[in-house]
PDB file of N, CA and C in Angstrom:
ATOM      1  N   HIS A   1      68.079  93.517 102.607  1.00  0.00           N
ATOM      2  CA  HIS A   1      68.172  94.925 103.123  1.00  0.00           C
ATOM      3  C   HIS A   1      69.256  94.937 104.035  1.00  0.00           C
ATOM      4  N   VAL A   2      70.237  95.759 103.761  1.00  0.00           N
ATOM      5  CA  VAL A   2      71.348  95.848 104.634  1.00  0.00           C
ATOM      6  C   VAL A   2      70.954  96.576 105.964  1.00  0.00           C
ATOM      7  N   ASN A   3      69.845  97.381 105.905  1.00  0.00           N
ATOM      8  CA  ASN A   3      69.343  98.020 107.024  1.00  0.00           C
ATOM      9  C   ASN A   3      68.877  97.073 108.236  1.00  0.00           C
ATOM     10  N   TYR A   4      68.502  95.823 107.782  1.00  0.00           N
ATOM     11  CA  TYR A   4      68.183  94.825 108.813  1.00  0.00           C
ATOM     12  C   TYR A   4      69.470  94.380 109.504  1.00  0.00           C
ATOM     13  N   LEU A   5      70.517  94.286 108.819  1.00  0.00           N
ATOM     14  CA  LEU A   5      71.775  94.013 109.492  1.00  0.00           C
ATOM     15  C   LEU A   5      72.157  95.022 110.597  1.00  0.00           C
ATOM     16  N   GLY A   6      71.841  96.238 110.256  1.00  0.00           N
ATOM     17  CA  GLY A   6      72.153  97.316 111.334  1.00  0.00           C
ATOM     18  C   GLY A   6      71.298  97.119 112.529  1.00  0.00           C
ATOM     19  N   GLY A   7      70.018  96.736 112.356  1.00  0.00           N
ATOM     20  CA  GLY A   7      69.164  96.455 113.526  1.00  0.00           C
ATOM     21  C   GLY A   7      69.701  95.360 114.312  1.00  0.00           C
ATOM     22  N   ILE A   8      70.118  94.226 113.680  1.00  0.00           N
ATOM     23  CA  ILE A   8      70.714  93.145 114.430  1.00  0.00           C
ATOM     24  C   ILE A   8      71.991  93.561 115.080  1.00  0.00           C
ATOM     25  N   LEU A   9      72.839  94.283 114.461  1.00  0.00           N
ATOM     26  CA  LEU A   9      74.108  94.720 115.061  1.00  0.00           C
ATOM     27  C   LEU A   9      73.776  95.613 116.306  1.00  0.00           C
ATOM     28  N   GLN A  10      72.748  96.474 116.128  1.00  0.00           N
ATOM     29  CA  GLN A  10      72.406  97.279 117.283  1.00  0.00           C
ATOM     30  C   GLN A  10      71.926  96.441 118.534  1.00  0.00           C
ATOM     31  N   GLY A  11      71.210  95.333 118.249  1.00  0.00           N
ATOM     32  CA  GLY A  11      70.858  94.471 119.268  1.00  0.00           C
ATOM     33  C   GLY A  11      72.054  93.799 119.961  1.00  0.00           C
ATOM     34  N   VAL A  12      72.993  93.408 119.177  1.00  0.00           N
ATOM     35  CA  VAL A  12      74.306  92.846 119.666  1.00  0.00           C
ATOM     36  C   VAL A  12      75.079  93.919 120.527  1.00  0.00           C
ATOM     37  N   ALA A  13      75.077  95.108 119.978  1.00  0.00           N
ATOM     38  CA  ALA A  13      75.777  96.137 120.741  1.00  0.00           C
ATOM     39  C   ALA A  13      75.099  96.495 122.086  1.00  0.00           C
ATOM     40  N   LEU A  14      73.855  96.202 122.174  1.00  0.00           N
ATOM     41  CA  LEU A  14      73.224  96.375 123.552  1.00  0.00           C
ATOM     42  C   LEU A  14      73.297  95.190 124.323  1.00  0.00           C
ATOM     43  N   ALA A  15      73.347  93.922 123.836  1.00  0.00           N
ATOM     44  CA  ALA A  15      73.394  92.769 124.582  1.00  0.00           C
ATOM     45  C   ALA A  15      74.781  92.565 125.130  1.00  0.00           C
ATOM     46  N   LEU A  16      75.832  92.847 124.312  1.00  0.00           N
ATOM     47  CA  LEU A  16      77.174  92.515 124.793  1.00  0.00           C
ATOM     48  C   LEU A  16      77.541  93.165 126.082  1.00  0.00           C
ATOM     49  N   PRO A  17      77.390  94.464 126.201  1.00  0.00           N
ATOM     50  CA  PRO A  17      77.885  95.113 127.537  1.00  0.00           C
ATOM     51  C   PRO A  17      76.947  94.550 128.699  1.00  0.00           C
ATOM     52  N   ALA A  18      75.671  94.341 128.456  1.00  0.00           N
ATOM     53  CA  ALA A  18      74.851  93.870 129.528  1.00  0.00           C
ATOM     54  C   ALA A  18      75.249  92.485 129.984  1.00  0.00           C
ATOM     55  N   SER A  19      75.541  91.571 129.129  1.00  0.00           N
ATOM     56  CA  SER A  19      75.951  90.229 129.509  1.00  0.00           C
ATOM     57  C   SER A  19      77.435  90.250 130.071  1.00  0.00           C
ATOM     58  N   LEU A  20      78.245  91.084 129.548  1.00  0.00           N
ATOM     59  CA  LEU A  20      79.611  91.199 130.168  1.00  0.00           C
ATOM     60  C   LEU A  20      79.546  91.697 131.423  1.00  0.00           C
ATOM     61  N   TYR A  21      78.693  92.749 131.745  1.00  0.00           N
ATOM     62  CA  TYR A  21      78.542  93.278 133.094  1.00  0.00           C
ATOM     63  C   TYR A  21      77.995  92.212 134.002  1.00  0.00           C
ATOM     64  N   SER A  22      77.044  91.375 133.550  1.00  0.00           N
ATOM     65  CA  SER A  22      76.550  90.367 134.479  1.00  0.00           C
ATOM     66  C   SER A  22      77.680  89.275 134.694  1.00  0.00           C
ATOM     67  N   TYR A  23      78.470  88.981 133.753  1.00  0.00           N
ATOM     68  CA  TYR A  23      79.444  88.045 133.859  1.00  0.00           C
ATOM     69  C   TYR A  23      80.572  88.460 134.822  1.00  0.00           C
ATOM     70  N   TYR A  24      81.000  89.665 134.710  1.00  0.00           N
ATOM     71  CA  TYR A  24      82.144  90.232 135.537  1.00  0.00           C
ATOM     72  C   TYR A  24      81.754  90.528 136.952  1.00  0.00           C
ATOM     73  N   ASN A  25      80.422  90.884 137.145  1.00  0.00           N
ATOM     74  CA  ASN A  25      79.832  91.241 138.416  1.00  0.00           C
ATOM     75  C   ASN A  25      79.000  90.159 139.038  1.00  0.00           C
ATOM     76  N   SER A  26      79.108  88.914 138.607  1.00  0.00           N
ATOM     77  CA  SER A  26      78.346  87.902 139.264  1.00  0.00           C
ATOM     78  C   SER A  26      79.038  87.444 140.655  1.00  0.00           C
ATOM     79  N   ASN A  27      78.130  87.275 141.474  1.00  0.00           N
ATOM     80  CA  ASN A  27      78.638  86.854 142.826  1.00  0.00           C
ATOM     81  C   ASN A  27      78.779  85.375 142.835  1.00  0.00           C
ATOM     82  N   ALA A  28      80.000  85.001 143.467  1.00  0.00           N
ATOM     83  CA  ALA A  28      80.324  83.641 143.511  1.00  0.00           C
ATOM     84  C   ALA A  28      79.311  82.813 144.290  1.00  0.00           C
ATOM     85  N   SER A  29      78.647  83.406 145.311  1.00  0.00           N
ATOM     86  CA  SER A  29      77.717  82.797 146.234  1.00  0.00           C
ATOM     87  C   SER A  29      76.340  82.672 145.598  1.00  0.00           C
ATOM     88  N   SER A  30      76.137  83.349 144.542  1.00  0.00           N
ATOM     89  CA  SER A  30      74.701  83.342 143.910  1.00  0.00           C
ATOM     90  C   SER A  30      74.541  81.975 143.080  1.00  0.00           C
ATOM     91  N   SER A  31      73.307  81.755 142.805  1.00  0.00           N
ATOM     92  CA  SER A  31      73.001  80.562 142.051  1.00  0.00           C
ATOM     93  C   SER A  31      73.513  80.663 140.687  1.00  0.00           C
ATOM     94  N   SER A  32      74.155  79.486 140.122  1.00  0.00           N
ATOM     95  CA  SER A  32      74.593  79.459 138.894  1.00  0.00           C
ATOM     96  C   SER A  32      73.585  79.641 137.784  1.00  0.00           C
ATOM     97  N   PHE A  33      72.323  79.033 138.173  1.00  0.00           N
ATOM     98  CA  PHE A  33      71.171  79.338 137.266  1.00  0.00           C
ATOM     99  C   PHE A  33      70.965  80.826 136.897  1.00  0.00           C
ATOM    100  N   TRP A  34      70.885  81.617 137.959  1.00  0.00           N
ATOM    101  CA  TRP A  34      70.554  83.005 137.934  1.00  0.00           C
ATOM    102  C   TRP A  34      71.664  83.803 137.268  1.00  0.00           C
ATOM    103  N   THR A  35      72.931  83.287 137.481  1.00  0.00           N
ATOM    104  CA  THR A  35      74.087  83.976 136.879  1.00  0.00           C
ATOM    105  C   THR A  35      73.944  83.683 135.373  1.00  0.00           C
ATOM    106  N   ALA A  36      73.701  82.431 135.012  1.00  0.00           N
ATOM    107  CA  ALA A  36      73.601  82.132 133.610  1.00  0.00           C
ATOM    108  C   ALA A  36      72.474  82.857 132.882  1.00  0.00           C
ATOM    109  N   MET A  37      71.335  83.012 133.661  1.00  0.00           N
ATOM    110  CA  MET A  37      70.177  83.751 133.048  1.00  0.00           C
ATOM    111  C   MET A  37      70.557  85.169 132.797  1.00  0.00           C
ATOM    112  N   THR A  38      71.259  85.834 133.825  1.00  0.00           N
ATOM    113  CA  THR A  38      71.545  87.236 133.551  1.00  0.00           C
ATOM    114  C   THR A  38      72.552  87.510 132.438  1.00  0.00           C
ATOM    115  N   ILE A  39      73.371  86.458 132.252  1.00  0.00           N
ATOM    116  CA  ILE A  39      74.385  86.582 131.053  1.00  0.00           C
ATOM    117  C   ILE A  39      73.730  86.279 129.758  1.00  0.00           C
ATOM    118  N   LEU A  40      72.787  85.298 129.684  1.00  0.00           N
ATOM    119  CA  LEU A  40      72.208  84.946 128.484  1.00  0.00           C
ATOM    120  C   LEU A  40      70.987  85.711 128.067  1.00  0.00           C
ATOM    121  N   LEU A  41      70.257  86.255 128.991  1.00  0.00           N
ATOM    122  CA  LEU A  41      68.991  86.946 128.771  1.00  0.00           C
ATOM    123  C   LEU A  41      69.141  88.146 127.795  1.00  0.00           C
ATOM    124  N   PRO A  42      70.214  88.995 127.935  1.00  0.00           N
ATOM    125  CA  PRO A  42      70.342  90.080 127.012  1.00  0.00           C
ATOM    126  C   PRO A  42      70.354  89.670 125.508  1.00  0.00           C
ATOM    127  N   TRP A  43      70.868  88.378 125.249  1.00  0.00           N
ATOM    128  CA  TRP A  43      71.023  87.857 123.906  1.00  0.00           C
ATOM    129  C   TRP A  43      69.799  87.606 123.201  1.00  0.00           C
ATOM    130  N   LEU A  44      68.729  87.561 124.006  1.00  0.00           N
ATOM    131  CA  LEU A  44      67.328  87.407 123.463  1.00  0.00           C
ATOM    132  C   LEU A  44      66.820  88.499 122.464  1.00  0.00           C
ATOM    133  N   TYR A  45      67.433  89.607 122.815  1.00  0.00           N
ATOM    134  CA  TYR A  45      67.025  90.868 121.970  1.00  0.00           C
ATOM    135  C   TYR A  45      67.581  90.752 120.494  1.00  0.00           C
ATOM    136  N   PRO A  46      68.884  90.550 120.238  1.00  0.00           N
ATOM    137  CA  PRO A  46      69.418  90.345 118.877  1.00  0.00           C
ATOM    138  C   PRO A  46      68.809  89.072 118.280  1.00  0.00           C
ATOM    139  N   LEU A  47      68.517  88.083 119.100  1.00  0.00           N
ATOM    140  CA  LEU A  47      67.998  86.859 118.540  1.00  0.00           C
ATOM    141  C   LEU A  47      66.488  87.124 117.984  1.00  0.00           C
ATOM    142  N   TYR A  48      65.841  87.899 118.741  1.00  0.00           N
ATOM    143  CA  TYR A  48      64.437  88.372 118.325  1.00  0.00           C
ATOM    144  C   TYR A  48      64.494  89.088 116.999  1.00  0.00           C
ATOM    145  N   TYR A  49      65.470  90.070 116.948  1.00  0.00           N
ATOM    146  CA  TYR A  49      65.686  90.799 115.625  1.00  0.00           C
ATOM    147  C   TYR A  49      66.035  89.808 114.500  1.00  0.00           C
ATOM    148  N   THR A  50      66.814  88.956 114.703  1.00  0.00           N
ATOM    149  CA  THR A  50      67.229  87.925 113.636  1.00  0.00           C
ATOM    150  C   THR A  50      65.980  87.146 113.219  1.00  0.00           C
ATOM    151  N   ALA A  51      65.194  86.635 114.173  1.00  0.00           N
ATOM    152  CA  ALA A  51      64.002  85.868 113.934  1.00  0.00           C
ATOM    153  C   ALA A  51      62.854  86.671 113.265  1.00  0.00           C
ATOM    154  N   LEU A  52      62.966  88.064 113.465  1.00  0.00           N
ATOM    155  CA  LEU A  52      61.941  88.853 112.914  1.00  0.00           C
ATOM    156  C   LEU A  52      62.411  89.305 111.461  1.00  0.00           C
ATOM    157  N   PHE A  53      63.621  89.611 111.190  1.00  0.00           N
ATOM    158  CA  PHE A  53      64.077  90.139 109.895  1.00  0.00           C
ATOM    159  C   PHE A  53      64.265  89.199 108.853  1.00  0.00           C
ATOM    160  N   ILE A  54      64.577  87.957 109.145  1.00  0.00           N
ATOM    161  CA  ILE A  54      64.757  86.995 108.066  1.00  0.00           C
ATOM    162  C   ILE A  54      63.537  86.621 107.277  1.00  0.00           C
ATOM    163  N   PRO A  55      62.406  86.346 108.067  1.00  0.00           N
ATOM    164  CA  PRO A  55      61.171  86.159 107.203  1.00  0.00           C
ATOM    165  C   PRO A  55      60.626  87.448 106.688  1.00  0.00           C
ATOM    166  N   ARG A  56      60.806  88.556 107.401  1.00  0.00           N
ATOM    167  CA  ARG A  56      60.374  89.796 106.843  1.00  0.00           C
ATOM    168  C   ARG A  56      61.138  90.089 105.482  1.00  0.00           C
ATOM    169  N   GLN A  57      62.418  89.800 105.458  1.00  0.00           N
ATOM    170  CA  GLN A  57      63.076  89.997 104.137  1.00  0.00           C
ATOM    171  C   GLN A  57      62.579  89.107 103.086  1.00  0.00           C
ATOM    172  N   GLN A  58      62.213  88.005 103.464  1.00  0.00           N
ATOM    173  CA  GLN A  58      61.738  87.039 102.460  1.00  0.00           C
ATOM    174  C   GLN A  58      60.266  87.613 101.922  1.00  0.00           C
ATOM    175  N   ASP A  59      59.524  88.028 102.886  1.00  0.00           N
ATOM    176  CA  ASP A  59      58.189  88.610 102.469  1.00  0.00           C
ATOM    177  C   ASP A  59      58.381  89.933 101.597  1.00  0.00           C
ATOM    178  N   ASP A  60      59.392  90.716 101.896  1.00  0.00           N
ATOM    179  CA  ASP A  60      59.677  91.836 101.063  1.00  0.00           C
ATOM    180  C   ASP A  60      60.139  91.450  99.693  1.00  0.00           C
ATOM    181  N   GLY A  61      60.890  90.504  99.637  1.00  0.00           N
ATOM    182  CA  GLY A  61      61.316  89.989  98.251  1.00  0.00           C
ATOM    183  C   GLY A  61      60.077  89.459  97.392  1.00  0.00           C
ATOM    184  N   SER A  62      59.198  88.824  98.070  1.00  0.00           N
ATOM    185  CA  SER A  62      58.030  88.420  97.263  1.00  0.00           C
ATOM    186  C   SER A  62      57.083  89.472  96.952  1.00  0.00           C
ATOM    187  N   LEU A  63      56.890  90.381  97.834  1.00  0.00           N
ATOM    188  CA  LEU A  63      56.038  91.611  97.492  1.00  0.00           C
ATOM    189  C   LEU A  63      56.696  92.508  96.427  1.00  0.00           C
ATOM    190  N   MET A  64      58.092  92.692  96.390  1.00  0.00           N
ATOM    191  CA  MET A  64      58.697  93.427  95.455  1.00  0.00           C
ATOM    192  C   MET A  64      58.622  92.702  94.101  1.00  0.00           C
ATOM    193  N   ARG A  65      58.612  91.365  94.034  1.00  0.00           N
ATOM    194  CA  ARG A  65      58.513  90.666  92.779  1.00  0.00           C
ATOM    195  C   ARG A  65      57.067  90.790  92.199  1.00  0.00           C
ATOM    196  N   GLN A  66      56.079  90.877  93.066  1.00  0.00           N
ATOM    197  CA  GLN A  66      54.712  91.159  92.661  1.00  0.00           C
ATOM    198  C   GLN A  66      54.547  92.535  92.104  1.00  0.00           C
ATOM    199  N   LYS A  67      55.210  93.525  92.791  1.00  0.00           N
ATOM    200  CA  LYS A  67      55.014  94.927  92.420  1.00  0.00           C
ATOM    201  C   LYS A  67      55.861  95.223  91.178  1.00  0.00           C
ATOM    202  N   TYR A  68      57.073  94.887  91.003  1.00  0.00           N
ATOM    203  CA  TYR A  68      57.940  95.148  89.910  1.00  0.00           C
ATOM    204  C   TYR A  68      58.064  94.149  88.811  1.00  0.00           C
ATOM    205  N   GLY A  69      57.767  92.927  89.040  1.00  0.00           N
ATOM    206  CA  GLY A  69      57.722  91.965  88.067  1.00  0.00           C
ATOM    207  C   GLY A  69      59.005  91.194  88.087  1.00  0.00           C
ATOM    208  N   ASP A  70      59.020  90.013  87.441  1.00  0.00           N
ATOM    209  CA  ASP A  70      60.110  89.002  87.406  1.00  0.00           C
ATOM    210  C   ASP A  70      61.353  89.578  86.843  1.00  0.00           C
ATOM    211  N   LYS A  71      61.232  90.317  85.736  1.00  0.00           N
ATOM    212  CA  LYS A  71      62.372  90.775  84.923  1.00  0.00           C
ATOM    213  C   LYS A  71      63.202  91.750  85.800  1.00  0.00           C
ATOM    214  N   VAL A  72      62.573  92.702  86.360  1.00  0.00           N
ATOM    215  CA  VAL A  72      63.114  93.764  87.165  1.00  0.00           C
ATOM    216  C   VAL A  72      63.739  93.116  88.404  1.00  0.00           C
ATOM    217  N   MET A  73      63.052  92.095  89.088  1.00  0.00           N
ATOM    218  CA  MET A  73      63.662  91.558  90.301  1.00  0.00           C
ATOM    219  C   MET A  73      64.837  90.610  89.955  1.00  0.00           C
ATOM    220  N   ASP A  74      64.728  90.004  88.851  1.00  0.00           N
ATOM    221  CA  ASP A  74      66.031  89.142  88.454  1.00  0.00           C
ATOM    222  C   ASP A  74      67.047  90.102  88.204  1.00  0.00           C
ATOM    223  N   GLU A  75      66.987  91.344  87.591  1.00  0.00           N
ATOM    224  CA  GLU A  75      68.139  92.114  87.506  1.00  0.00           C
ATOM    225  C   GLU A  75      68.556  92.700  88.877  1.00  0.00           C
ATOM    226  N   TYR A  76      67.673  92.958  89.673  1.00  0.00           N
ATOM    227  CA  TYR A  76      68.035  93.494  91.038  1.00  0.00           C
ATOM    228  C   TYR A  76      68.862  92.392  91.771  1.00  0.00           C
ATOM    229  N   ILE A  77      68.471  91.146  91.717  1.00  0.00           N
ATOM    230  CA  ILE A  77      69.006  90.104  92.482  1.00  0.00           C
ATOM    231  C   ILE A  77      70.419  89.858  91.824  1.00  0.00           C
ATOM    232  N   GLN A  78      70.658  90.093  90.534  1.00  0.00           N
ATOM    233  CA  GLN A  78      72.032  89.928  90.044  1.00  0.00           C
ATOM    234  C   GLN A  78      72.930  91.092  90.577  1.00  0.00           C
ATOM    235  N   MET A  79      72.368  92.283  90.624  1.00  0.00           N
ATOM    236  CA  MET A  79      73.047  93.482  91.098  1.00  0.00           C
ATOM    237  C   MET A  79      73.367  93.427  92.581  1.00  0.00           C
ATOM    238  N   VAL A  80      72.377  92.779  93.383  1.00  0.00           N
ATOM    239  CA  VAL A  80      72.435  92.708  94.803  1.00  0.00           C
ATOM    240  C   VAL A  80      72.219  91.269  95.233  1.00  0.00           C
ATOM    241  N   PRO A  81      73.258  90.383  95.248  1.00  0.00           N
ATOM    242  CA  PRO A  81      73.091  89.029  95.407  1.00  0.00           C
ATOM    243  C   PRO A  81      72.772  88.630  96.863  1.00  0.00           C
ATOM    244  N   TYR A  82      73.135  89.513  97.821  1.00  0.00           N
ATOM    245  CA  TYR A  82      73.082  89.080  99.348  1.00  0.00           C
ATOM    246  C   TYR A  82      71.892  89.873  99.803  1.00  0.00           C
ATOM    247  N   ARG A  83      71.228  89.207 100.792  1.00  0.00           N
ATOM    248  CA  ARG A  83      69.949  89.778 101.308  1.00  0.00           C
ATOM    249  C   ARG A  83      70.156  90.647 102.605  1.00  0.00           C
ATOM    250  N   ILE A  84      71.018  90.107 103.513  1.00  0.00           N
ATOM    251  CA  ILE A  84      71.078  90.833 104.779  1.00  0.00           C
ATOM    252  C   ILE A  84      72.667  91.066 105.061  1.00  0.00           C
ATOM    253  N   VAL A  85      73.344  90.046 105.031  1.00  0.00           N
ATOM    254  CA  VAL A  85      74.846  90.139 105.361  1.00  0.00           C
ATOM    255  C   VAL A  85      75.566  90.045 104.134  1.00  0.00           C
ATOM    256  N   PRO A  86      76.231  91.154 103.681  1.00  0.00           N
ATOM    257  CA  PRO A  86      77.010  91.051 102.454  1.00  0.00           C
ATOM    258  C   PRO A  86      78.088  90.019 102.382  1.00  0.00           C
ATOM    259  N   GLY A  87      78.071  89.194 101.408  1.00  0.00           N
ATOM    260  CA  GLY A  87      79.095  88.069 101.309  1.00  0.00           C
ATOM    261  C   GLY A  87      78.609  86.820 101.995  1.00  0.00           C
ATOM    262  N   VAL A  88      77.547  86.856 102.791  1.00  0.00           N
ATOM    263  CA  VAL A  88      77.058  85.668 103.540  1.00  0.00           C
ATOM    264  C   VAL A  88      75.652  85.209 103.161  1.00  0.00           C
ATOM    265  N   TYR A  89      74.671  86.112 103.411  1.00  0.00           N
ATOM    266  CA  TYR A  89      73.253  85.857 103.055  1.00  0.00           C
ATOM    267  C   TYR A  89      72.590  86.955 102.484  1.00  0.00           C
TER     268      TYR A  89
END
Protein backbone atom coordinates (compact mmCIF):
# COMPACT_ATOMS: atom_id res chain seq x y z
CA HIS A 1 0.00 0.00 0.00
CA VAL A 2 1.53 3.26 -1.10
CA ASN A 3 -0.57 5.00 1.56
CA TYR A 4 1.70 3.48 4.19
CA LEU A 5 4.64 5.26 2.57
CA GLY A 6 2.73 8.52 2.97
CA GLY A 7 2.39 7.89 6.70
CA ILE A 8 6.09 7.18 7.05
CA LEU A 9 7.00 10.30 5.06
CA GLN A 10 4.69 12.34 7.26
CA GLY A 11 6.57 11.06 10.29
CA VAL A 12 9.87 12.04 8.67
CA ALA A 13 8.46 15.48 7.83
CA LEU A 14 7.60 15.99 11.50
CA ALA A 15 10.84 14.56 12.88
CA LEU A 16 13.25 16.45 10.63
CA PRO A 17 12.43 20.02 11.75
CA ALA A 18 12.25 18.96 15.39
CA SER A 19 15.67 17.32 15.34
CA LEU A 20 17.22 20.14 13.29
CA TYR A 21 15.81 22.69 15.74
CA SER A 22 17.35 20.76 18.62
CA TYR A 23 20.65 20.45 16.77
CA TYR A 24 21.00 24.13 15.89
CA ASN A 25 19.70 25.40 19.22
CA SER A 26 21.64 23.06 21.49
CA ASN A 27 23.53 24.80 24.22
CA ALA A 28 27.25 24.06 24.25
CA SER A 29 27.22 23.91 28.05
CA SER A 30 24.40 21.35 28.17
CA SER A 31 25.00 17.66 28.55
CA SER A 32 25.87 15.88 25.32
CA PHE A 33 23.54 13.04 26.34
CA TRP A 34 20.51 15.33 26.50
CA THR A 35 21.51 17.05 23.29
CA ALA A 36 21.72 13.69 21.55
CA MET A 37 18.38 12.65 23.02
CA THR A 38 16.58 15.78 21.81
CA ILE A 39 18.05 15.29 18.34
CA LEU A 40 17.27 11.55 18.12
CA LEU A 41 13.98 11.38 20.01
CA PRO A 42 11.78 12.80 17.20
CA TRP A 43 12.99 10.02 14.89
CA LEU A 44 11.17 7.45 17.03
CA TYR A 45 7.93 8.61 15.39
CA PRO A 46 8.76 7.57 11.79
CA LEU A 47 10.54 4.50 13.15
CA TYR A 48 7.33 3.53 14.94
CA TYR A 49 5.35 3.96 11.72
CA THR A 50 7.84 1.80 9.83
CA ALA A 51 7.69 -0.90 12.50
CA LEU A 52 3.88 -0.73 12.43
CA PHE A 53 3.27 -0.67 8.68
CA ILE A 54 5.61 -3.43 7.44
CA PRO A 55 3.96 -6.24 9.45
CA ARG A 56 0.55 -4.69 8.81
CA GLN A 57 1.16 -4.77 5.06
CA GLN A 58 2.17 -8.43 5.27
CA ASP A 59 -1.04 -9.19 7.20
CA ASP A 60 -3.06 -7.27 4.60
CA GLY A 61 -1.52 -9.41 1.86
CA SER A 62 -2.44 -12.66 3.57
CA LEU A 63 -5.97 -11.44 4.33
CA MET A 64 -6.49 -10.36 0.72
CA ARG A 65 -5.20 -13.73 -0.48
CA GLN A 66 -7.80 -15.46 1.72
CA LYS A 67 -10.57 -13.13 0.58
CA TYR A 68 -9.86 -12.98 -3.16
CA GLY A 69 -8.00 -16.25 -3.78
CA ASP A 70 -4.59 -17.16 -5.13
CA LYS A 71 -5.30 -16.47 -8.79
CA VAL A 72 -6.51 -12.91 -8.25
CA MET A 73 -3.69 -12.13 -5.82
CA ASP A 74 -1.05 -13.48 -8.20
CA GLU A 75 -2.43 -11.22 -10.93
CA TYR A 76 -2.43 -8.28 -8.51
CA ILE A 77 1.16 -8.95 -7.47
CA GLN A 78 2.23 -9.02 -11.13
CA MET A 79 0.54 -5.66 -11.72
CA VAL A 80 1.75 -4.13 -8.42
CA PRO A 81 5.09 -5.76 -7.58
CA TYR A 82 6.16 -3.35 -4.82
CA ARG A 83 4.44 -3.21 -1.46
CA ILE A 84 5.28 0.13 0.15
CA VAL A 85 8.13 1.95 -1.61
CA PRO A 86 7.85 1.83 -5.41
CA GLY A 87 10.96 0.32 -6.93
CA VAL A 88 12.37 -0.79 -3.54
CA TYR A 89 9.94 -2.83 -1.44
